[in-house]
């Protein structure tokens, strides 16, 4: 008994469903949904990365600003220490040279607080006073020059000055005073 297999007419032996029906639509829908989810996840991660980089850049700017303020405070502290040292030197000179004490006392009185006096020279022949130091601003140097002009001891004299910027926040000044008569009006 032999069975015959008809290979030429497959419709009689195997039945198939048409391509438009069944699990293939579900598989396509799942694939589309997966692609949409992947794209959405990528866009979310990309957006979070941009947001985080923006926050980091803003924080870095704030840190740089705080570093700059810290450097300014260090510079101001150094200038305050130099001013204190200069005041000590002036007081030492007052005790060592009593005839110059009134000039030194006047200079101490007219120098603004943020200015540091690093060099003081008083010459006798011809009489001349040279003041050199550091400041944080041009305004303070100008205020010091105005105080010198308004001083009882130096108001009749010739005042020359020079200013140069050494570092970002430090200005060096030099003021030379040549009074017309020694001793002022006091």
N, C-alpha and C. Protein backbone atom coordinates (compact mmCIF):
# COMPACT_ATOMS: atom_id res chain seq x y z
N UNK A 1 0.77 -1.15 0.00
CA UNK A 1 0.00 0.00 0.00
C UNK A 1 0.84 1.24 0.00
N UNK A 2 0.75 1.72 -0.97
CA UNK A 2 1.49 2.94 -1.15
C UNK A 2 0.55 4.12 -1.16
N UNK A 3 1.05 5.12 -0.56
CA UNK A 3 0.31 6.38 -0.60
C UNK A 3 1.00 7.28 -1.60
N UNK A 4 0.22 7.93 -2.27
CA UNK A 4 0.79 8.87 -3.22
C UNK A 4 0.75 10.27 -2.65
N UNK A 5 1.87 10.92 -2.84
CA UNK A 5 1.94 12.31 -2.39
C UNK A 5 1.93 13.17 -3.62
N UNK A 6 1.03 14.06 -3.59
CA UNK A 6 0.90 14.97 -4.73
C UNK A 6 1.68 16.23 -4.41
N UNK A 7 2.85 16.41 -5.02
CA UNK A 7 3.69 17.57 -4.79
C UNK A 7 3.32 18.73 -5.70
N UNK A 8 2.59 18.50 -6.66
CA UNK A 8 2.24 19.54 -7.60
C UNK A 8 1.06 20.38 -7.14
N UNK A 9 0.27 19.88 -6.32
CA UNK A 9 -0.91 20.62 -5.88
C UNK A 9 -0.86 20.76 -4.35
N UNK A 10 -0.18 21.72 -3.84
CA UNK A 10 -0.02 21.83 -2.40
C UNK A 10 -1.27 22.32 -1.68
N UNK A 11 -2.20 22.90 -2.32
CA UNK A 11 -3.38 23.45 -1.65
C UNK A 11 -4.25 22.38 -1.04
N UNK A 12 -4.13 21.21 -1.47
CA UNK A 12 -4.96 20.15 -0.92
C UNK A 12 -4.40 19.57 0.36
N UNK A 13 -3.06 19.73 0.55
CA UNK A 13 -2.48 19.09 1.72
C UNK A 13 -2.22 20.07 2.89
N UNK A 14 -1.79 21.34 2.61
CA UNK A 14 -1.47 22.30 3.67
C UNK A 14 -2.34 23.54 3.50
N UNK A 15 -2.96 23.94 4.57
CA UNK A 15 -3.79 25.13 4.53
C UNK A 15 -3.07 26.25 5.29
N UNK A 16 -2.98 27.43 4.66
CA UNK A 16 -2.32 28.60 5.29
C UNK A 16 -3.31 29.74 5.35
N UNK A 17 -3.00 30.68 6.28
CA UNK A 17 -3.85 31.85 6.42
C UNK A 17 -3.30 32.95 5.53
N UNK A 18 -4.12 33.85 5.09
CA UNK A 18 -3.64 34.96 4.27
C UNK A 18 -2.71 35.86 5.10
N UNK A 19 -1.80 36.60 4.43
CA UNK A 19 -0.79 37.43 5.10
C UNK A 19 -1.39 38.59 5.85
N UNK A 20 -2.53 39.04 5.53
CA UNK A 20 -3.11 40.21 6.18
C UNK A 20 -3.80 39.87 7.49
N UNK A 21 -3.89 38.66 7.86
CA UNK A 21 -4.56 38.27 9.10
C UNK A 21 -3.57 37.66 10.08
N UNK A 22 -3.93 37.63 11.34
CA UNK A 22 -3.20 36.85 12.30
C UNK A 22 -2.06 37.57 13.02
N UNK A 23 -1.07 36.82 13.51
CA UNK A 23 -0.01 37.33 14.38
C UNK A 23 0.92 38.33 13.71
N UNK A 24 1.02 38.41 12.40
CA UNK A 24 1.94 39.34 11.77
C UNK A 24 1.58 40.79 12.05
N UNK A 25 0.34 41.14 12.17
CA UNK A 25 -0.07 42.51 12.53
C UNK A 25 0.35 42.83 13.96
N UNK A 26 0.23 41.91 14.83
CA UNK A 26 0.60 42.11 16.23
C UNK A 26 2.12 42.30 16.33
N UNK A 27 2.87 41.50 15.60
CA UNK A 27 4.33 41.63 15.62
C UNK A 27 4.78 42.98 15.08
N UNK A 28 4.15 43.44 14.02
CA UNK A 28 4.49 44.75 13.46
C UNK A 28 4.17 45.85 14.47
N UNK A 29 3.04 45.77 15.14
CA UNK A 29 2.65 46.77 16.14
C UNK A 29 3.65 46.77 17.31
N UNK A 30 4.08 45.61 17.75
CA UNK A 30 5.06 45.51 18.85
C UNK A 30 6.39 46.10 18.41
N UNK A 31 6.82 45.84 17.20
CA UNK A 31 8.07 46.40 16.69
C UNK A 31 8.01 47.93 16.61
N UNK A 32 6.90 48.45 16.10
CA UNK A 32 6.74 49.91 16.01
C UNK A 32 6.75 50.53 17.40
N UNK A 33 6.05 49.90 18.33
CA UNK A 33 6.01 50.40 19.71
C UNK A 33 7.40 50.37 20.33
N UNK A 34 8.16 49.32 20.07
CA UNK A 34 9.54 49.22 20.59
C UNK A 34 10.42 50.33 20.03
N UNK A 35 10.31 50.60 18.74
CA UNK A 35 11.11 51.65 18.11
C UNK A 35 10.75 53.01 18.69
N UNK A 36 9.46 53.26 18.87
CA UNK A 36 9.01 54.53 19.45
C UNK A 36 9.54 54.68 20.88
N UNK A 37 9.50 53.62 21.65
CA UNK A 37 10.03 53.67 23.03
C UNK A 37 11.53 53.94 23.02
N UNK A 38 12.26 53.30 22.12
CA UNK A 38 13.71 53.52 22.03
C UNK A 38 14.02 54.97 21.66
N UNK A 39 13.29 55.51 20.69
CA UNK A 39 13.50 56.90 20.29
C UNK A 39 13.17 57.84 21.44
N UNK A 40 12.08 57.60 22.12
CA UNK A 40 11.68 58.42 23.26
C UNK A 40 12.72 58.38 24.37
N UNK A 41 13.25 57.20 24.67
CA UNK A 41 14.28 57.06 25.70
C UNK A 41 15.54 57.81 25.29
N UNK A 42 15.94 57.68 24.03
CA UNK A 42 17.13 58.39 23.55
C UNK A 42 16.95 59.89 23.67
N UNK A 43 15.78 60.40 23.26
CA UNK A 43 15.55 61.85 23.34
C UNK A 43 15.53 62.32 24.79
N UNK A 44 14.97 61.51 25.70
CA UNK A 44 14.95 61.87 27.12
C UNK A 44 16.38 61.94 27.67
N UNK A 45 17.19 60.92 27.37
CA UNK A 45 18.57 60.89 27.85
C UNK A 45 19.37 62.05 27.26
N UNK A 46 19.18 62.33 25.98
CA UNK A 46 19.87 63.44 25.33
C UNK A 46 19.48 64.77 25.97
N UNK A 47 18.21 64.96 26.24
CA UNK A 47 17.73 66.18 26.90
C UNK A 47 18.29 66.32 28.31
N UNK A 48 18.33 65.22 29.06
CA UNK A 48 18.88 65.26 30.41
C UNK A 48 20.38 65.58 30.39
N UNK A 49 21.07 65.07 29.37
CA UNK A 49 22.50 65.36 29.25
C UNK A 49 22.71 66.85 29.01
N UNK A 50 21.94 67.44 28.11
CA UNK A 50 22.06 68.88 27.84
C UNK A 50 21.73 69.69 29.09
N UNK A 51 20.68 69.30 29.79
CA UNK A 51 20.28 70.00 31.01
C UNK A 51 21.39 69.92 32.06
N UNK A 52 21.96 68.73 32.22
CA UNK A 52 23.02 68.54 33.21
C UNK A 52 24.27 69.33 32.83
N UNK A 53 24.63 69.33 31.55
CA UNK A 53 25.79 70.11 31.11
C UNK A 53 25.57 71.60 31.34
N UNK A 54 24.36 72.07 31.13
CA UNK A 54 24.04 73.48 31.40
C UNK A 54 24.19 73.81 32.88
N UNK A 55 23.72 72.91 33.73
CA UNK A 55 23.84 73.12 35.18
C UNK A 55 25.31 73.12 35.60
N UNK A 56 26.09 72.20 35.03
CA UNK A 56 27.52 72.12 35.36
C UNK A 56 28.23 73.40 34.93
N UNK A 57 27.92 73.90 33.73
CA UNK A 57 28.54 75.13 33.25
C UNK A 57 28.18 76.30 34.17
N UNK A 58 26.92 76.39 34.59
CA UNK A 58 26.51 77.45 35.50
C UNK A 58 27.22 77.35 36.84
N UNK A 59 27.36 76.15 37.35
CA UNK A 59 28.06 75.94 38.61
C UNK A 59 29.54 76.29 38.47
N UNK A 60 30.15 75.93 37.34
CA UNK A 60 31.56 76.28 37.11
C UNK A 60 31.74 77.79 37.07
N UNK A 61 30.80 78.52 36.48
CA UNK A 61 30.87 79.99 36.45
C UNK A 61 30.78 80.55 37.87
N UNK A 62 29.90 79.98 38.68
CA UNK A 62 29.78 80.43 40.06
C UNK A 62 31.07 80.15 40.83
N UNK A 63 31.66 79.00 40.60
CA UNK A 63 32.91 78.64 41.28
C UNK A 63 34.02 79.60 40.87
N UNK A 64 34.10 79.92 39.58
CA UNK A 64 35.12 80.87 39.11
C UNK A 64 34.92 82.24 39.76
N UNK A 65 33.67 82.67 39.88
CA UNK A 65 33.39 83.95 40.53
C UNK A 65 33.81 83.93 42.00
N UNK A 66 33.55 82.82 42.68
CA UNK A 66 33.94 82.71 44.08
C UNK A 66 35.46 82.66 44.22
N UNK A 67 36.15 82.02 43.28
CA UNK A 67 37.61 82.00 43.31
C UNK A 67 38.16 83.41 43.15
N UNK A 68 37.54 84.20 42.26
CA UNK A 68 37.99 85.58 42.05
C UNK A 68 37.79 86.41 43.31
N UNK A 69 36.64 86.24 43.97
CA UNK A 69 36.39 86.97 45.21
C UNK A 69 37.40 86.54 46.28
N UNK A 70 37.70 85.25 46.32
CA UNK A 70 38.68 84.75 47.28
C UNK A 70 40.05 85.37 47.04
N UNK A 71 40.46 85.48 45.77
CA UNK A 71 41.74 86.10 45.45
C UNK A 71 41.75 87.58 45.84
N UNK A 72 40.63 88.27 45.61
CA UNK A 72 40.55 89.67 45.99
C UNK A 72 40.66 89.83 47.51
N UNK A 73 40.03 88.92 48.24
CA UNK A 73 40.12 88.97 49.70
C UNK A 73 41.55 88.71 50.17
N UNK A 74 42.23 87.77 49.51
CA UNK A 74 43.63 87.51 49.87
C UNK A 74 44.48 88.75 49.59
N UNK A 75 44.25 89.38 48.43
CA UNK A 75 45.01 90.58 48.07
C UNK A 75 44.74 91.70 49.06
N UNK A 76 43.47 91.87 49.41
CA UNK A 76 43.10 92.91 50.37
C UNK A 76 43.75 92.63 51.73
N UNK A 77 43.78 91.36 52.13
CA UNK A 77 44.42 91.00 53.40
C UNK A 77 45.91 91.28 53.37
N UNK A 78 46.54 90.98 52.24
CA UNK A 78 47.97 91.25 52.10
C UNK A 78 48.24 92.75 52.16
N UNK A 79 47.38 93.54 51.51
CA UNK A 79 47.55 94.99 51.55
C UNK A 79 47.33 95.54 52.95
N UNK A 80 46.37 94.96 53.67
CA UNK A 80 46.14 95.41 55.05
C UNK A 80 47.35 95.08 55.92
N UNK A 81 47.95 93.92 55.69
CA UNK A 81 49.15 93.56 56.45
C UNK A 81 50.30 94.50 56.12
N UNK A 82 50.45 94.85 54.84
CA UNK A 82 51.50 95.79 54.45
C UNK A 82 51.26 97.17 55.06
N UNK A 83 49.98 97.59 55.10
CA UNK A 83 49.68 98.89 55.70
C UNK A 83 50.03 98.88 57.18
N UNK A 84 49.70 97.79 57.85
CA UNK A 84 50.03 97.68 59.27
C UNK A 84 51.54 97.74 59.47
N UNK A 85 52.28 97.06 58.60
CA UNK A 85 53.74 97.09 58.68
C UNK A 85 54.26 98.51 58.43
N UNK A 86 53.66 99.20 57.46
CA UNK A 86 54.07 100.58 57.17
C UNK A 86 53.80 101.49 58.35
N UNK A 87 52.65 101.31 58.99
CA UNK A 87 52.34 102.12 60.17
C UNK A 87 53.34 101.86 61.28
N UNK A 88 53.74 100.60 61.45
CA UNK A 88 54.75 100.29 62.46
C UNK A 88 56.08 100.96 62.12
N UNK A 89 56.43 100.95 60.82
CA UNK A 89 57.67 101.61 60.40
C UNK A 89 57.60 103.12 60.64
N UNK A 90 56.44 103.71 60.36
CA UNK A 90 56.27 105.14 60.61
C UNK A 90 56.43 105.44 62.09
N UNK A 91 55.80 104.64 62.93
CA UNK A 91 55.92 104.85 64.38
C UNK A 91 57.36 104.69 64.84
N UNK A 92 58.08 103.73 64.26
CA UNK A 92 59.50 103.55 64.60
C UNK A 92 60.29 104.79 64.19
N UNK A 93 60.00 105.31 62.99
CA UNK A 93 60.72 106.50 62.53
C UNK A 93 60.41 107.72 63.38
N UNK A 94 59.19 107.82 63.86
CA UNK A 94 58.82 108.95 64.72
C UNK A 94 59.71 108.97 65.96
N UNK A 95 59.95 107.80 66.53
CA UNK A 95 60.78 107.74 67.73
C UNK A 95 62.25 107.95 67.40
N UNK A 96 62.69 107.51 66.22
CA UNK A 96 64.10 107.65 65.86
C UNK A 96 64.44 109.06 65.39
N UNK A 97 63.50 109.73 64.71
CA UNK A 97 63.77 111.07 64.16
C UNK A 97 62.63 112.01 64.57
N UNK A 98 62.70 112.58 65.75
CA UNK A 98 61.61 113.41 66.26
C UNK A 98 61.31 114.63 65.39
N UNK A 99 62.29 115.20 64.66
CA UNK A 99 62.03 116.38 63.84
C UNK A 99 61.10 116.07 62.66
N UNK A 100 61.02 114.80 62.28
CA UNK A 100 60.16 114.41 61.17
C UNK A 100 58.79 113.91 61.64
N UNK A 101 58.58 113.88 62.92
CA UNK A 101 57.37 113.28 63.46
C UNK A 101 56.09 113.94 62.96
N UNK A 102 56.11 115.27 62.80
CA UNK A 102 54.86 115.92 62.34
C UNK A 102 54.56 115.57 60.89
N UNK A 103 55.59 115.41 60.04
CA UNK A 103 55.34 115.00 58.65
C UNK A 103 54.79 113.57 58.61
N UNK A 104 55.39 112.71 59.42
CA UNK A 104 54.93 111.32 59.45
C UNK A 104 53.51 111.21 60.01
N UNK A 105 53.23 111.99 61.04
CA UNK A 105 51.88 111.97 61.61
C UNK A 105 50.86 112.48 60.59
N UNK A 106 51.24 113.50 59.82
CA UNK A 106 50.34 114.04 58.79
C UNK A 106 50.11 113.00 57.68
N UNK A 107 51.17 112.33 57.26
CA UNK A 107 51.03 111.30 56.23
C UNK A 107 50.14 110.17 56.73
N UNK A 108 50.32 109.76 57.96
CA UNK A 108 49.49 108.70 58.53
C UNK A 108 48.02 109.13 58.58
N UNK A 109 47.79 110.41 58.83
CA UNK A 109 46.42 110.92 58.94
C UNK A 109 45.74 111.00 57.56
N UNK A 110 46.49 111.33 56.51
CA UNK A 110 45.85 111.57 55.21
C UNK A 110 45.79 110.34 54.31
N UNK A 111 46.47 109.26 54.67
CA UNK A 111 46.46 108.07 53.81
C UNK A 111 45.15 107.30 54.03
N UNK A 112 44.39 107.00 52.96
CA UNK A 112 43.14 106.25 53.10
C UNK A 112 43.40 104.81 53.54
N UNK A 113 42.40 104.20 54.15
CA UNK A 113 42.54 102.85 54.71
C UNK A 113 42.93 101.78 53.69
N UNK A 114 42.35 101.74 52.48
CA UNK A 114 42.70 100.64 51.57
C UNK A 114 44.07 100.79 50.89
N UNK A 115 44.80 101.87 51.18
CA UNK A 115 46.08 102.10 50.51
C UNK A 115 47.21 101.59 51.40
N UNK A 116 48.18 100.96 50.77
CA UNK A 116 49.35 100.47 51.47
C UNK A 116 50.54 101.35 51.11
N UNK A 117 51.26 101.80 52.12
CA UNK A 117 52.46 102.62 51.92
C UNK A 117 53.65 101.68 52.06
N UNK A 118 54.41 101.49 50.97
CA UNK A 118 55.54 100.56 50.99
C UNK A 118 56.89 101.27 51.03
N UNK A 119 56.91 102.55 50.69
CA UNK A 119 58.17 103.28 50.65
C UNK A 119 57.90 104.74 51.04
N UNK A 120 58.69 105.23 51.95
CA UNK A 120 58.60 106.63 52.37
C UNK A 120 60.01 107.17 52.44
N UNK A 121 60.23 108.29 51.75
CA UNK A 121 61.56 108.90 51.75
C UNK A 121 61.38 110.40 51.95
N UNK A 122 62.10 110.93 52.92
CA UNK A 122 62.09 112.37 53.17
C UNK A 122 63.52 112.88 52.98
N UNK A 123 63.69 113.72 51.99
CA UNK A 123 65.02 114.29 51.69
C UNK A 123 65.09 115.70 52.28
N UNK A 124 66.27 116.09 52.70
CA UNK A 124 66.43 117.43 53.28
C UNK A 124 66.87 118.47 52.26
N UNK A 125 67.81 118.16 51.40
CA UNK A 125 68.33 119.16 50.45
C UNK A 125 68.21 118.64 49.04
N UNK A 126 67.37 119.12 48.22
CA UNK A 126 66.21 119.96 48.50
C UNK A 126 65.15 119.14 49.22
N UNK A 127 64.34 119.84 49.98
CA UNK A 127 63.33 119.15 50.77
C UNK A 127 62.31 118.51 49.84
N UNK A 128 62.07 117.21 50.05
CA UNK A 128 61.16 116.46 49.18
C UNK A 128 60.67 115.24 49.95
N UNK A 129 59.39 114.90 49.72
CA UNK A 129 58.79 113.72 50.33
C UNK A 129 58.34 112.80 49.20
N UNK A 130 58.79 111.54 49.23
CA UNK A 130 58.41 110.57 48.20
C UNK A 130 57.63 109.44 48.88
N UNK A 131 56.42 109.20 48.40
CA UNK A 131 55.55 108.15 48.93
C UNK A 131 55.29 107.14 47.82
N UNK A 132 55.50 105.87 48.11
CA UNK A 132 55.21 104.81 47.13
C UNK A 132 54.44 103.72 47.84
N UNK A 133 53.56 103.05 47.08
CA UNK A 133 52.80 101.96 47.68
C UNK A 133 51.89 101.28 46.69
N UNK A 134 50.96 100.50 47.25
CA UNK A 134 50.01 99.72 46.46
C UNK A 134 48.59 100.07 46.86
N UNK A 135 47.68 99.89 45.91
CA UNK A 135 46.26 100.12 46.17
C UNK A 135 45.45 99.15 45.33
N UNK A 136 44.18 99.00 45.70
CA UNK A 136 43.28 98.14 44.93
C UNK A 136 42.50 98.91 43.89
N UNK A 137 42.48 100.25 44.00
CA UNK A 137 41.69 101.01 43.02
C UNK A 137 42.32 102.37 42.74
N UNK A 138 42.05 102.86 41.55
CA UNK A 138 42.52 104.19 41.16
C UNK A 138 41.83 105.27 42.00
N UNK A 139 40.59 105.01 42.39
CA UNK A 139 39.83 105.97 43.18
C UNK A 139 40.54 106.26 44.51
N UNK A 140 41.05 105.22 45.16
CA UNK A 140 41.73 105.43 46.45
C UNK A 140 43.03 106.22 46.26
N UNK A 141 43.74 105.96 45.16
CA UNK A 141 44.97 106.72 44.90
C UNK A 141 44.62 108.19 44.65
N UNK A 142 43.54 108.42 43.90
CA UNK A 142 43.10 109.80 43.65
C UNK A 142 42.69 110.48 44.95
N UNK A 143 42.00 109.74 45.82
CA UNK A 143 41.59 110.29 47.12
C UNK A 143 42.83 110.64 47.95
N UNK A 144 43.85 109.79 47.90
CA UNK A 144 45.08 110.06 48.62
C UNK A 144 45.76 111.31 48.07
N UNK A 145 45.82 111.45 46.73
CA UNK A 145 46.40 112.65 46.12
C UNK A 145 45.66 113.91 46.54
N UNK A 146 44.33 113.82 46.61
CA UNK A 146 43.51 114.97 47.04
C UNK A 146 43.80 115.31 48.50
N UNK A 147 43.94 114.26 49.34
CA UNK A 147 44.27 114.50 50.75
C UNK A 147 45.62 115.18 50.89
N UNK A 148 46.58 114.80 50.05
CA UNK A 148 47.91 115.43 50.09
C UNK A 148 47.78 116.90 49.71
N UNK A 149 47.00 117.20 48.67
CA UNK A 149 46.82 118.59 48.24
C UNK A 149 46.14 119.43 49.32
N UNK A 150 45.21 118.83 50.06
CA UNK A 150 44.48 119.55 51.09
C UNK A 150 45.23 119.63 52.41
N UNK A 151 46.35 118.92 52.53
CA UNK A 151 47.11 118.88 53.78
C UNK A 151 47.72 120.24 54.09
N UNK A 152 47.72 120.59 55.35
CA UNK A 152 48.31 121.84 55.81
C UNK A 152 49.81 121.88 55.51
N UNK A 153 50.48 120.75 55.63
CA UNK A 153 51.92 120.69 55.44
C UNK A 153 52.35 120.70 53.98
N UNK A 154 51.50 120.24 53.09
CA UNK A 154 51.92 120.07 51.69
C UNK A 154 51.11 120.89 50.69
N UNK A 155 50.16 121.69 51.15
CA UNK A 155 49.26 122.37 50.21
C UNK A 155 49.95 123.43 49.35
N UNK A 156 51.04 124.01 49.81
CA UNK A 156 51.75 125.01 49.03
C UNK A 156 52.82 124.40 48.13
N UNK A 157 52.89 123.09 48.09
CA UNK A 157 53.96 122.43 47.36
C UNK A 157 53.56 121.97 45.96
N UNK A 158 54.51 121.40 45.30
CA UNK A 158 54.31 120.85 43.97
C UNK A 158 54.18 119.33 44.13
N UNK A 159 53.09 118.79 43.58
CA UNK A 159 52.82 117.37 43.75
C UNK A 159 52.86 116.71 42.38
N UNK A 160 53.66 115.67 42.26
CA UNK A 160 53.67 114.88 41.02
C UNK A 160 53.40 113.44 41.41
N UNK A 161 52.73 112.73 40.51
CA UNK A 161 52.39 111.35 40.83
C UNK A 161 52.43 110.49 39.58
N UNK A 162 52.57 109.21 39.80
CA UNK A 162 52.51 108.24 38.71
C UNK A 162 51.80 107.00 39.22
N UNK A 163 51.09 106.33 38.31
CA UNK A 163 50.33 105.14 38.66
C UNK A 163 50.58 104.10 37.58
N UNK A 164 50.76 102.86 38.01
CA UNK A 164 50.85 101.78 37.03
C UNK A 164 50.20 100.53 37.61
N UNK A 165 49.56 99.77 36.73
CA UNK A 165 48.88 98.55 37.14
C UNK A 165 49.89 97.40 37.09
N UNK A 166 50.03 96.69 38.20
CA UNK A 166 51.00 95.61 38.28
C UNK A 166 50.33 94.27 38.02
N UNK A 167 49.25 94.02 38.71
CA UNK A 167 48.51 92.78 38.58
C UNK A 167 47.05 93.14 38.32
N UNK A 168 46.19 92.12 38.32
CA UNK A 168 44.77 92.33 38.03
C UNK A 168 44.14 93.34 38.97
N UNK A 169 44.39 93.25 40.27
CA UNK A 169 43.73 94.11 41.24
C UNK A 169 44.69 94.97 42.05
N UNK A 170 45.95 95.08 41.63
CA UNK A 170 46.93 95.84 42.40
C UNK A 170 47.48 96.97 41.53
N UNK A 171 47.46 98.17 42.09
CA UNK A 171 47.95 99.35 41.40
C UNK A 171 49.10 99.92 42.23
N UNK A 172 50.23 100.19 41.59
CA UNK A 172 51.34 100.82 42.30
C UNK A 172 51.31 102.31 42.01
N UNK A 173 51.53 103.10 43.04
CA UNK A 173 51.54 104.55 42.87
C UNK A 173 52.84 105.11 43.42
N UNK A 174 53.16 106.32 42.98
CA UNK A 174 54.30 107.06 43.50
C UNK A 174 53.89 108.53 43.53
N UNK A 175 53.99 109.15 44.68
CA UNK A 175 53.64 110.56 44.83
C UNK A 175 54.88 111.28 45.39
N UNK A 176 55.30 112.32 44.69
CA UNK A 176 56.45 113.12 45.13
C UNK A 176 55.94 114.51 45.48
N UNK A 177 56.28 114.98 46.68
CA UNK A 177 55.83 116.29 47.15
C UNK A 177 57.06 117.16 47.38
N UNK A 178 57.06 118.31 46.76
CA UNK A 178 58.14 119.28 46.94
C UNK A 178 57.53 120.57 47.45
N UNK A 179 57.45 120.72 48.80
CA UNK A 179 56.84 121.95 49.35
C UNK A 179 57.70 123.18 49.02
N UNK A 180 57.00 124.32 48.88
CA UNK A 180 57.73 125.56 48.61
C UNK A 180 58.54 126.00 49.83
N UNK A 181 57.95 125.76 51.00
CA UNK A 181 58.72 126.07 52.21
C UNK A 181 58.62 124.90 53.17
N UNK A 182 59.70 124.60 53.81
CA UNK A 182 59.78 123.46 54.69
C UNK A 182 58.96 123.69 55.95
N UNK A 183 58.14 122.70 56.29
CA UNK A 183 57.44 122.77 57.56
C UNK A 183 55.98 123.18 57.46
N UNK A 184 55.50 123.65 56.35
CA UNK A 184 54.10 124.02 56.23
C UNK A 184 53.74 125.21 57.07
N UNK A 185 52.45 125.33 57.41
CA UNK A 185 51.97 126.49 58.14
C UNK A 185 51.76 126.24 59.62
N UNK A 186 51.94 125.02 60.08
CA UNK A 186 51.69 124.72 61.49
C UNK A 186 52.88 125.01 62.33
